[in-house]
């Protein structure tokens, strides 16, 4: 049995669409980055801490993930409020950034962690476009204050890498790592 250590509805939707059967057990951890923490280290650390925080019975496999938007080395998590969402989107507008997801799969005493990174190019945006998008409330629970699968899809010029990673879970990477552990 696969256990998803995440309350993210997008991760659940992605796993369901890919044909996975799973249960959800939410990991409750402190997600504050360390001062000066490298974004790659941060998402991998978060994924592993989430995987280890979820109890698993014999035969259960725990899947945890953490996604961050990274612009010029800055980790952009979920916005604190509308002003923070506006700040993030203003910074992303017209630029290329990375979406990084750390995954961690725990089976018994075995733990496998990995990383996916996708380059995303945002179109230039005016302040009114950003304000309208923030007013939709869509950005408020998403890393980097946007969801590629929603209204913000109109702002994305192109991506290089996994689309599902930008949504929040690199499905192909998860599948390959689960196969290695005998979980599929």
N, C-alpha and C. Protein backbone atom coordinates (compact mmCIF):
# COMPACT_ATOMS: atom_id res chain seq x y z
N UNK A 1 0.84 -1.18 0.00
CA UNK A 1 0.00 0.00 0.00
C UNK A 1 0.88 1.25 0.00
N UNK A 2 0.57 2.19 -0.88
CA UNK A 2 1.29 3.45 -0.98
C UNK A 2 0.61 4.47 -0.06
N UNK A 3 1.42 5.19 0.71
CA UNK A 3 0.95 6.24 1.60
C UNK A 3 1.53 7.56 1.10
N UNK A 4 0.67 8.51 0.77
CA UNK A 4 1.11 9.83 0.36
C UNK A 4 1.18 10.72 1.60
N UNK A 5 2.38 11.19 1.91
CA UNK A 5 2.60 12.04 3.09
C UNK A 5 2.43 13.50 2.69
N UNK A 6 1.22 13.86 2.28
CA UNK A 6 0.97 15.22 1.80
C UNK A 6 -0.51 15.52 1.82
N UNK A 7 -0.85 16.76 2.17
CA UNK A 7 -2.25 17.18 2.11
C UNK A 7 -2.56 17.88 0.78
N UNK A 8 -1.58 17.96 -0.10
CA UNK A 8 -1.76 18.65 -1.37
C UNK A 8 -2.79 17.96 -2.26
N UNK A 9 -3.87 18.66 -2.59
CA UNK A 9 -4.85 18.06 -3.50
C UNK A 9 -4.26 17.83 -4.89
N UNK A 10 -3.30 18.65 -5.28
CA UNK A 10 -2.70 18.48 -6.61
C UNK A 10 -1.88 17.18 -6.68
N UNK A 11 -1.15 16.86 -5.62
CA UNK A 11 -0.39 15.60 -5.62
C UNK A 11 -1.34 14.41 -5.67
N UNK A 12 -2.41 14.48 -4.91
CA UNK A 12 -3.41 13.40 -4.94
C UNK A 12 -4.00 13.25 -6.34
N UNK A 13 -4.37 14.36 -6.96
CA UNK A 13 -4.94 14.32 -8.31
C UNK A 13 -3.97 13.72 -9.31
N UNK A 14 -2.69 14.10 -9.22
CA UNK A 14 -1.69 13.56 -10.14
C UNK A 14 -1.54 12.05 -9.97
N UNK A 15 -1.45 11.58 -8.72
CA UNK A 15 -1.31 10.14 -8.48
C UNK A 15 -2.54 9.38 -8.96
N UNK A 16 -3.73 9.91 -8.71
CA UNK A 16 -4.96 9.25 -9.18
C UNK A 16 -4.99 9.18 -10.71
N UNK A 17 -4.64 10.28 -11.36
CA UNK A 17 -4.65 10.32 -12.83
C UNK A 17 -3.66 9.33 -13.42
N UNK A 18 -2.58 9.04 -12.69
CA UNK A 18 -1.56 8.10 -13.16
C UNK A 18 -1.88 6.65 -12.76
N UNK A 19 -3.02 6.44 -12.10
CA UNK A 19 -3.45 5.09 -11.79
C UNK A 19 -2.93 4.51 -10.50
N UNK A 20 -2.39 5.34 -9.61
CA UNK A 20 -1.89 4.84 -8.33
C UNK A 20 -3.03 4.73 -7.32
N UNK A 21 -2.99 3.68 -6.53
CA UNK A 21 -3.88 3.56 -5.38
C UNK A 21 -3.06 3.94 -4.15
N UNK A 22 -3.64 4.75 -3.27
CA UNK A 22 -2.89 5.24 -2.13
C UNK A 22 -3.83 5.75 -1.06
N UNK A 23 -3.29 5.91 0.13
CA UNK A 23 -3.97 6.57 1.23
C UNK A 23 -3.15 7.80 1.59
N UNK A 24 -3.77 8.75 2.26
CA UNK A 24 -3.09 9.98 2.65
C UNK A 24 -2.89 9.99 4.16
N UNK A 25 -1.66 10.26 4.58
CA UNK A 25 -1.32 10.52 5.97
C UNK A 25 -0.43 11.75 5.98
N UNK A 26 -0.90 12.80 6.57
CA UNK A 26 -0.20 14.08 6.51
C UNK A 26 0.96 14.13 7.50
N UNK A 27 2.07 14.57 7.00
CA UNK A 27 3.25 14.80 7.84
C UNK A 27 3.18 16.22 8.39
N UNK A 28 3.36 16.35 9.69
CA UNK A 28 3.33 17.66 10.32
C UNK A 28 4.74 18.00 10.78
N UNK A 29 5.44 18.79 9.98
CA UNK A 29 6.82 19.16 10.30
C UNK A 29 6.99 20.67 10.14
N UNK A 30 8.07 21.19 10.69
CA UNK A 30 8.43 22.59 10.51
C UNK A 30 9.09 22.73 9.13
N UNK A 31 8.50 23.54 8.27
CA UNK A 31 9.02 23.68 6.91
C UNK A 31 9.84 24.96 6.71
N UNK A 32 10.34 25.52 7.77
CA UNK A 32 11.15 26.73 7.68
C UNK A 32 12.54 26.40 7.13
N UNK A 33 12.94 27.09 6.06
CA UNK A 33 14.31 26.87 5.55
C UNK A 33 15.33 27.35 6.57
N UNK A 34 16.48 26.67 6.59
CA UNK A 34 17.60 27.14 7.41
C UNK A 34 18.16 28.41 6.77
N UNK A 35 18.75 29.28 7.56
CA UNK A 35 19.36 30.50 7.04
C UNK A 35 20.41 30.12 6.00
N UNK A 36 20.28 30.68 4.79
CA UNK A 36 21.24 30.45 3.72
C UNK A 36 21.18 29.06 3.11
N UNK A 37 20.12 28.29 3.40
CA UNK A 37 20.04 26.92 2.90
C UNK A 37 19.91 26.87 1.38
N UNK A 38 20.69 26.02 0.77
CA UNK A 38 20.63 25.79 -0.67
C UNK A 38 19.26 25.21 -1.03
N UNK A 39 18.60 25.70 -2.11
CA UNK A 39 17.27 25.22 -2.47
C UNK A 39 17.21 23.70 -2.70
N UNK A 40 18.24 23.11 -3.31
CA UNK A 40 18.23 21.67 -3.54
C UNK A 40 18.25 20.93 -2.21
N UNK A 41 19.14 21.36 -1.31
CA UNK A 41 19.21 20.74 0.02
C UNK A 41 17.87 20.89 0.73
N UNK A 42 17.26 22.06 0.63
CA UNK A 42 16.00 22.33 1.32
C UNK A 42 14.88 21.38 0.88
N UNK A 43 14.64 21.26 -0.44
CA UNK A 43 13.52 20.40 -0.88
C UNK A 43 13.79 18.93 -0.57
N UNK A 44 15.05 18.51 -0.68
CA UNK A 44 15.38 17.12 -0.33
C UNK A 44 15.23 16.87 1.17
N UNK A 45 15.66 17.83 1.98
CA UNK A 45 15.52 17.70 3.43
C UNK A 45 14.06 17.65 3.83
N UNK A 46 13.24 18.53 3.25
CA UNK A 46 11.82 18.55 3.58
C UNK A 46 11.15 17.24 3.20
N UNK A 47 11.44 16.73 2.00
CA UNK A 47 10.83 15.47 1.57
C UNK A 47 11.21 14.34 2.51
N UNK A 48 12.49 14.27 2.89
CA UNK A 48 12.92 13.19 3.77
C UNK A 48 12.30 13.33 5.16
N UNK A 49 12.25 14.55 5.69
CA UNK A 49 11.64 14.75 7.01
C UNK A 49 10.16 14.36 6.99
N UNK A 50 9.46 14.70 5.91
CA UNK A 50 8.04 14.32 5.80
C UNK A 50 7.90 12.80 5.74
N UNK A 51 8.73 12.14 4.96
CA UNK A 51 8.65 10.67 4.83
C UNK A 51 8.91 10.01 6.18
N UNK A 52 9.88 10.51 6.91
CA UNK A 52 10.22 9.90 8.21
C UNK A 52 9.18 10.22 9.28
N UNK A 53 8.43 11.31 9.12
CA UNK A 53 7.44 11.72 10.12
C UNK A 53 6.15 10.91 10.04
N UNK A 54 5.93 10.23 8.93
CA UNK A 54 4.68 9.48 8.76
C UNK A 54 4.90 8.03 9.16
N UNK A 55 4.13 7.54 10.12
CA UNK A 55 4.27 6.14 10.53
C UNK A 55 3.78 5.21 9.41
N UNK A 56 4.46 4.09 9.26
CA UNK A 56 4.07 3.12 8.24
C UNK A 56 4.09 1.72 8.84
N UNK A 57 3.13 0.93 8.45
CA UNK A 57 3.06 -0.46 8.89
C UNK A 57 3.85 -1.33 7.90
N UNK A 58 4.10 -2.57 8.28
CA UNK A 58 4.80 -3.50 7.38
C UNK A 58 4.09 -3.54 6.04
N UNK A 59 4.88 -3.46 4.98
CA UNK A 59 4.34 -3.54 3.63
C UNK A 59 3.89 -2.21 3.05
N UNK A 60 3.85 -1.16 3.87
CA UNK A 60 3.46 0.15 3.37
C UNK A 60 4.68 0.92 2.88
N UNK A 61 4.46 1.69 1.83
CA UNK A 61 5.51 2.54 1.25
C UNK A 61 5.04 3.98 1.39
N UNK A 62 5.89 4.81 1.98
CA UNK A 62 5.56 6.22 2.18
C UNK A 62 6.22 7.05 1.08
N UNK A 63 5.43 7.90 0.45
CA UNK A 63 5.91 8.85 -0.56
C UNK A 63 5.70 10.26 -0.03
N UNK A 64 6.79 11.01 0.05
CA UNK A 64 6.72 12.41 0.47
C UNK A 64 7.39 13.28 -0.58
N UNK A 65 6.96 14.54 -0.66
CA UNK A 65 7.53 15.45 -1.64
C UNK A 65 7.49 16.88 -1.10
N UNK A 66 8.37 17.69 -1.62
CA UNK A 66 8.36 19.11 -1.32
C UNK A 66 8.76 19.87 -2.57
N UNK A 67 7.96 20.88 -2.92
CA UNK A 67 8.20 21.65 -4.14
C UNK A 67 8.46 23.11 -3.78
N UNK A 68 9.48 23.68 -4.40
CA UNK A 68 9.77 25.11 -4.25
C UNK A 68 10.03 25.72 -5.62
N UNK A 69 9.66 26.97 -5.73
CA UNK A 69 10.01 27.78 -6.89
C UNK A 69 11.29 28.52 -6.50
N UNK A 70 12.26 28.52 -7.40
CA UNK A 70 13.56 29.13 -7.09
C UNK A 70 13.90 30.16 -8.19
N UNK A 71 14.10 31.38 -7.76
CA UNK A 71 14.49 32.47 -8.66
C UNK A 71 15.77 33.09 -8.12
N UNK A 72 16.82 33.00 -8.92
CA UNK A 72 18.12 33.58 -8.54
C UNK A 72 18.55 33.15 -7.14
N UNK A 73 18.34 31.88 -6.84
CA UNK A 73 18.76 31.34 -5.55
C UNK A 73 17.77 31.53 -4.42
N UNK A 74 16.73 32.34 -4.62
CA UNK A 74 15.72 32.57 -3.58
C UNK A 74 14.67 31.48 -3.63
N UNK A 75 14.43 30.84 -2.48
CA UNK A 75 13.36 29.85 -2.36
C UNK A 75 12.05 30.60 -2.16
N UNK A 76 11.13 30.37 -3.09
CA UNK A 76 9.81 30.99 -2.99
C UNK A 76 8.81 29.90 -2.59
N UNK A 77 8.41 29.93 -1.36
CA UNK A 77 7.41 28.98 -0.88
C UNK A 77 6.02 29.51 -1.15
N UNK A 78 5.09 29.12 -0.31
CA UNK A 78 3.71 29.62 -0.43
C UNK A 78 3.67 31.04 0.11
N UNK A 79 2.91 31.91 -0.54
CA UNK A 79 2.86 33.30 -0.06
C UNK A 79 2.17 33.41 1.30
N UNK A 80 2.65 34.36 2.09
CA UNK A 80 2.07 34.60 3.42
C UNK A 80 0.73 35.32 3.33
N UNK A 81 0.63 36.19 2.31
CA UNK A 81 -0.59 36.99 2.12
C UNK A 81 -0.60 37.50 0.68
N UNK A 82 -1.61 38.31 0.35
CA UNK A 82 -1.74 38.83 -1.01
C UNK A 82 -0.55 39.69 -1.42
N UNK A 83 -0.03 40.48 -0.51
CA UNK A 83 1.12 41.33 -0.84
C UNK A 83 2.34 40.48 -1.16
N UNK A 84 2.53 39.39 -0.42
CA UNK A 84 3.65 38.49 -0.69
C UNK A 84 3.47 37.79 -2.04
N UNK A 85 2.24 37.40 -2.36
CA UNK A 85 1.96 36.78 -3.66
C UNK A 85 2.27 37.76 -4.78
N UNK A 86 1.86 39.02 -4.62
CA UNK A 86 2.14 40.04 -5.63
C UNK A 86 3.65 40.20 -5.80
N UNK A 87 4.39 40.25 -4.69
CA UNK A 87 5.85 40.41 -4.75
C UNK A 87 6.49 39.27 -5.53
N UNK A 88 6.07 38.04 -5.24
CA UNK A 88 6.63 36.88 -5.93
C UNK A 88 6.34 36.93 -7.42
N UNK A 89 5.09 37.19 -7.77
CA UNK A 89 4.70 37.20 -9.19
C UNK A 89 5.38 38.34 -9.94
N UNK A 90 5.53 39.48 -9.30
CA UNK A 90 6.24 40.61 -9.90
C UNK A 90 7.69 40.21 -10.20
N UNK A 91 8.31 39.46 -9.27
CA UNK A 91 9.70 39.01 -9.45
C UNK A 91 9.80 37.98 -10.56
N UNK A 92 8.81 37.11 -10.70
CA UNK A 92 8.85 36.04 -11.71
C UNK A 92 8.52 36.56 -13.12
N UNK A 93 7.74 37.62 -13.21
CA UNK A 93 7.25 38.12 -14.50
C UNK A 93 8.41 38.41 -15.46
N UNK A 94 8.30 37.82 -16.65
CA UNK A 94 9.29 38.06 -17.70
C UNK A 94 10.61 37.34 -17.51
N UNK A 95 10.67 36.42 -16.55
CA UNK A 95 11.94 35.75 -16.24
C UNK A 95 11.79 34.23 -16.29
N UNK A 96 12.95 33.58 -16.30
CA UNK A 96 13.03 32.13 -16.20
C UNK A 96 13.35 31.78 -14.75
N UNK A 97 12.71 30.73 -14.25
CA UNK A 97 13.01 30.26 -12.90
C UNK A 97 12.97 28.73 -12.89
N UNK A 98 13.32 28.14 -11.76
CA UNK A 98 13.32 26.68 -11.61
C UNK A 98 12.24 26.27 -10.62
N UNK A 99 11.57 25.17 -10.94
CA UNK A 99 10.69 24.52 -9.98
C UNK A 99 11.38 23.23 -9.57
N UNK A 100 11.68 23.12 -8.28
CA UNK A 100 12.40 21.95 -7.76
C UNK A 100 11.49 21.17 -6.82
N UNK A 101 11.46 19.87 -7.03
CA UNK A 101 10.71 19.00 -6.13
C UNK A 101 11.64 17.90 -5.64
N UNK A 102 11.75 17.83 -4.32
CA UNK A 102 12.43 16.71 -3.70
C UNK A 102 11.40 15.64 -3.41
N UNK A 103 11.73 14.39 -3.72
CA UNK A 103 10.85 13.28 -3.36
C UNK A 103 11.62 12.35 -2.43
N UNK A 104 10.89 11.68 -1.56
CA UNK A 104 11.51 10.69 -0.69
C UNK A 104 10.52 9.53 -0.55
N UNK A 105 11.02 8.34 -0.77
CA UNK A 105 10.20 7.13 -0.67
C UNK A 105 10.82 6.25 0.41
N UNK A 106 9.98 5.87 1.38
CA UNK A 106 10.45 5.06 2.52
C UNK A 106 9.70 3.73 2.50
N UNK A 107 10.47 2.65 2.52
CA UNK A 107 9.90 1.31 2.62
C UNK A 107 10.70 0.56 3.67
N UNK A 108 10.07 0.26 4.80
CA UNK A 108 10.80 -0.36 5.89
C UNK A 108 11.93 0.56 6.33
N UNK A 109 13.16 0.03 6.37
CA UNK A 109 14.32 0.85 6.72
C UNK A 109 14.96 1.51 5.51
N UNK A 110 14.49 1.17 4.31
CA UNK A 110 15.05 1.74 3.09
C UNK A 110 14.45 3.09 2.75
N UNK A 111 15.30 4.02 2.38
CA UNK A 111 14.87 5.36 2.00
C UNK A 111 15.57 5.75 0.71
N UNK A 112 14.81 6.20 -0.27
CA UNK A 112 15.36 6.69 -1.53
C UNK A 112 14.85 8.11 -1.74
N UNK A 113 15.76 9.04 -1.91
CA UNK A 113 15.39 10.44 -2.17
C UNK A 113 15.97 10.87 -3.51
N UNK A 114 15.25 11.76 -4.18
CA UNK A 114 15.70 12.24 -5.48
C UNK A 114 15.13 13.62 -5.72
N UNK A 115 15.55 14.23 -6.82
CA UNK A 115 15.18 15.60 -7.14
C UNK A 115 14.80 15.72 -8.60
N UNK A 116 13.76 16.51 -8.86
CA UNK A 116 13.40 16.90 -10.23
C UNK A 116 13.46 18.42 -10.29
N UNK A 117 13.94 18.93 -11.42
CA UNK A 117 14.00 20.37 -11.62
C UNK A 117 13.48 20.69 -13.02
N UNK A 118 12.61 21.66 -13.09
CA UNK A 118 12.01 22.07 -14.36
C UNK A 118 12.21 23.57 -14.52
N UNK A 119 12.69 23.97 -15.68
CA UNK A 119 12.83 25.39 -15.99
C UNK A 119 11.49 25.91 -16.51
N UNK A 120 11.08 27.06 -16.01
CA UNK A 120 9.79 27.67 -16.40
C UNK A 120 10.06 29.11 -16.81
N UNK A 121 9.48 29.51 -17.94
CA UNK A 121 9.60 30.88 -18.44
C UNK A 121 8.25 31.57 -18.30
N UNK A 122 8.25 32.64 -17.52
CA UNK A 122 7.04 33.44 -17.32
C UNK A 122 7.00 34.56 -18.35
N UNK A 123 5.84 34.86 -18.86
CA UNK A 123 5.66 36.01 -19.75
C UNK A 123 5.77 37.30 -18.92
N UNK A 124 6.10 38.40 -19.57
CA UNK A 124 6.05 39.68 -18.85
C UNK A 124 4.60 39.94 -18.40
N UNK A 125 4.44 40.51 -17.22
CA UNK A 125 3.10 40.79 -16.68
C UNK A 125 3.05 42.22 -16.17
N UNK A 126 1.90 42.85 -16.39
CA UNK A 126 1.68 44.17 -15.81
C UNK A 126 1.12 44.04 -14.40
N UNK A 127 1.20 45.11 -13.64
CA UNK A 127 0.72 45.08 -12.27
C UNK A 127 -0.77 44.75 -12.18
N UNK A 128 -1.57 45.23 -13.13
CA UNK A 128 -3.01 44.92 -13.11
C UNK A 128 -3.26 43.44 -13.32
N UNK A 129 -2.50 42.81 -14.22
CA UNK A 129 -2.63 41.36 -14.45
C UNK A 129 -2.30 40.59 -13.17
N UNK A 130 -1.25 41.03 -12.50
CA UNK A 130 -0.84 40.35 -11.26
C UNK A 130 -1.91 40.55 -10.18
N UNK A 131 -2.40 41.79 -10.03
CA UNK A 131 -3.44 42.05 -9.03
C UNK A 131 -4.68 41.22 -9.28
N UNK A 132 -5.10 41.12 -10.55
CA UNK A 132 -6.28 40.31 -10.89
C UNK A 132 -6.06 38.84 -10.55
N UNK A 133 -4.87 38.34 -10.85
CA UNK A 133 -4.58 36.94 -10.55
C UNK A 133 -4.55 36.71 -9.04
N UNK A 134 -3.92 37.60 -8.29
CA UNK A 134 -3.89 37.47 -6.83
C UNK A 134 -5.31 37.53 -6.27
N UNK A 135 -6.15 38.39 -6.83
CA UNK A 135 -7.54 38.51 -6.36
C UNK A 135 -8.33 37.22 -6.57
N UNK A 136 -7.90 36.38 -7.50
CA UNK A 136 -8.59 35.10 -7.74
C UNK A 136 -8.39 34.13 -6.57
N UNK A 137 -7.41 34.40 -5.72
CA UNK A 137 -7.03 33.58 -4.56
C UNK A 137 -6.31 32.29 -4.96
N UNK A 138 -6.17 32.01 -6.24
CA UNK A 138 -5.48 30.81 -6.69
C UNK A 138 -4.03 30.74 -6.20
N UNK A 139 -3.30 31.85 -6.15
CA UNK A 139 -1.89 31.77 -5.77
C UNK A 139 -1.63 31.43 -4.30
N UNK A 140 -2.62 31.52 -3.46
CA UNK A 140 -2.38 31.56 -2.02
C UNK A 140 -1.86 30.27 -1.40
N UNK A 141 -2.05 29.13 -2.02
CA UNK A 141 -1.56 27.88 -1.41
C UNK A 141 -0.55 27.17 -2.30
N UNK A 142 0.14 27.95 -3.13
CA UNK A 142 1.06 27.37 -4.09
C UNK A 142 2.45 27.99 -4.00
N UNK A 143 3.46 27.14 -4.10
CA UNK A 143 4.84 27.62 -4.12
C UNK A 143 5.02 28.60 -5.27
N UNK A 144 5.66 29.72 -4.99
CA UNK A 144 5.89 30.72 -6.03
C UNK A 144 4.65 31.51 -6.38
N UNK A 145 3.54 31.26 -5.70
CA UNK A 145 2.28 32.00 -5.87
C UNK A 145 1.62 31.79 -7.23
N UNK A 146 1.83 30.59 -7.82
CA UNK A 146 1.09 30.32 -9.06
C UNK A 146 0.89 28.82 -9.24
N UNK A 147 -0.16 28.50 -10.01
CA UNK A 147 -0.43 27.12 -10.39
C UNK A 147 -0.45 27.01 -11.90
N UNK A 148 0.47 26.26 -12.46
CA UNK A 148 0.58 26.12 -13.92
C UNK A 148 -0.67 25.47 -14.50
N UNK A 149 -1.37 24.67 -13.70
CA UNK A 149 -2.53 23.93 -14.17
C UNK A 149 -3.82 24.76 -14.11
N UNK A 150 -3.73 25.99 -13.62
CA UNK A 150 -4.91 26.81 -13.46
C UNK A 150 -4.85 28.09 -14.28
N UNK A 151 -5.34 29.15 -13.67
CA UNK A 151 -5.40 30.45 -14.35
C UNK A 151 -4.03 30.94 -14.81
N UNK A 152 -2.99 30.61 -14.06
CA UNK A 152 -1.64 31.08 -14.42
C UNK A 152 -1.09 30.40 -15.66
N UNK A 153 -1.76 29.38 -16.17
CA UNK A 153 -1.27 28.73 -17.40
C UNK A 153 -1.12 29.73 -18.53
N UNK A 154 -1.90 30.78 -18.51
CA UNK A 154 -1.81 31.79 -19.57
C UNK A 154 -0.55 32.65 -19.47
N UNK A 155 0.14 32.57 -18.33
CA UNK A 155 1.36 33.36 -18.14
C UNK A 155 2.64 32.59 -18.47
N UNK A 156 2.54 31.31 -18.74
CA UNK A 156 3.72 30.47 -18.93
C UNK A 156 4.04 30.36 -20.42
N UNK A 157 5.18 30.93 -20.81
CA UNK A 157 5.60 30.86 -22.21
C UNK A 157 6.07 29.47 -22.59
N UNK A 158 6.85 28.83 -21.71
CA UNK A 158 7.32 27.47 -21.99
C UNK A 158 7.94 26.87 -20.75
N UNK A 159 8.14 25.55 -20.81
CA UNK A 159 8.86 24.86 -19.75
C UNK A 159 9.86 23.91 -20.37
N UNK A 160 10.88 23.56 -19.61
CA UNK A 160 11.85 22.57 -20.02
C UNK A 160 11.99 21.59 -18.86
N UNK A 161 11.33 20.44 -19.01
CA UNK A 161 11.33 19.44 -17.95
C UNK A 161 9.94 18.89 -17.73
N UNK A 162 9.71 18.34 -16.57
CA UNK A 162 8.47 17.66 -16.23
C UNK A 162 7.35 18.64 -15.88
N UNK A 163 6.25 18.55 -16.62
CA UNK A 163 5.07 19.36 -16.31
C UNK A 163 4.51 18.98 -14.95
N UNK A 164 4.41 17.67 -14.68
CA UNK A 164 3.83 17.25 -13.39
C UNK A 164 4.69 17.72 -12.22
N UNK A 165 5.99 17.91 -12.44
CA UNK A 165 6.85 18.47 -11.40
C UNK A 165 6.41 19.88 -11.06
N UNK A 166 6.07 20.68 -12.06
CA UNK A 166 5.64 22.05 -11.81
C UNK A 166 4.31 22.07 -11.06
N UNK A 167 3.47 21.08 -11.31
CA UNK A 167 2.21 20.96 -10.58
C UNK A 167 2.48 20.56 -9.13
N UNK A 168 3.54 19.76 -8.90
CA UNK A 168 3.88 19.42 -7.53
C UNK A 168 4.39 18.02 -7.28
N UNK A 169 4.46 17.17 -8.33
CA UNK A 169 4.96 15.82 -8.13
C UNK A 169 5.47 15.26 -9.46
N UNK A 170 6.78 15.04 -9.59
CA UNK A 170 7.35 14.52 -10.84
C UNK A 170 7.00 13.03 -10.98
N UNK A 171 5.90 12.75 -11.67
CA UNK A 171 5.35 11.39 -11.71
C UNK A 171 6.31 10.35 -12.28
N UNK A 172 7.00 10.65 -13.35
CA UNK A 172 7.91 9.67 -13.95
C UNK A 172 9.02 9.32 -12.97
N UNK A 173 9.57 10.30 -12.29
CA UNK A 173 10.62 10.05 -11.31
C UNK A 173 10.09 9.20 -10.15
N UNK A 174 8.89 9.52 -9.68
CA UNK A 174 8.27 8.73 -8.61
C UNK A 174 8.09 7.29 -9.06
N UNK A 175 7.57 7.09 -10.26
CA UNK A 175 7.34 5.74 -10.78
C UNK A 175 8.65 4.94 -10.85
N UNK A 176 9.69 5.56 -11.38
CA UNK A 176 10.98 4.85 -11.51
C UNK A 176 11.55 4.48 -10.13
N UNK A 177 11.45 5.40 -9.18
CA UNK A 177 11.98 5.11 -7.84
C UNK A 177 11.14 4.04 -7.13
N UNK A 178 9.83 4.07 -7.32
CA UNK A 178 8.96 3.03 -6.74
C UNK A 178 9.30 1.65 -7.34
N UNK A 179 9.57 1.63 -8.63
CA UNK A 179 9.95 0.36 -9.28
C UNK A 179 11.24 -0.19 -8.65
N UNK A 180 12.20 0.69 -8.41
CA UNK A 180 13.46 0.26 -7.79
C UNK A 180 13.25 -0.38 -6.42
N UNK A 181 12.24 0.11 -5.68
CA UNK A 181 11.96 -0.42 -4.35
C UNK A 181 10.96 -1.58 -4.38
N UNK A 182 10.55 -1.96 -5.59
CA UNK A 182 9.57 -3.05 -5.71
C UNK A 182 8.17 -2.63 -5.32
N UNK A 183 7.88 -1.34 -5.41
CA UNK A 183 6.58 -0.82 -5.00
C UNK A 183 5.55 -0.74 -6.09
N UNK A 184 5.89 -1.10 -7.32
CA UNK A 184 4.90 -1.12 -8.41
C UNK A 184 5.10 -2.37 -9.24
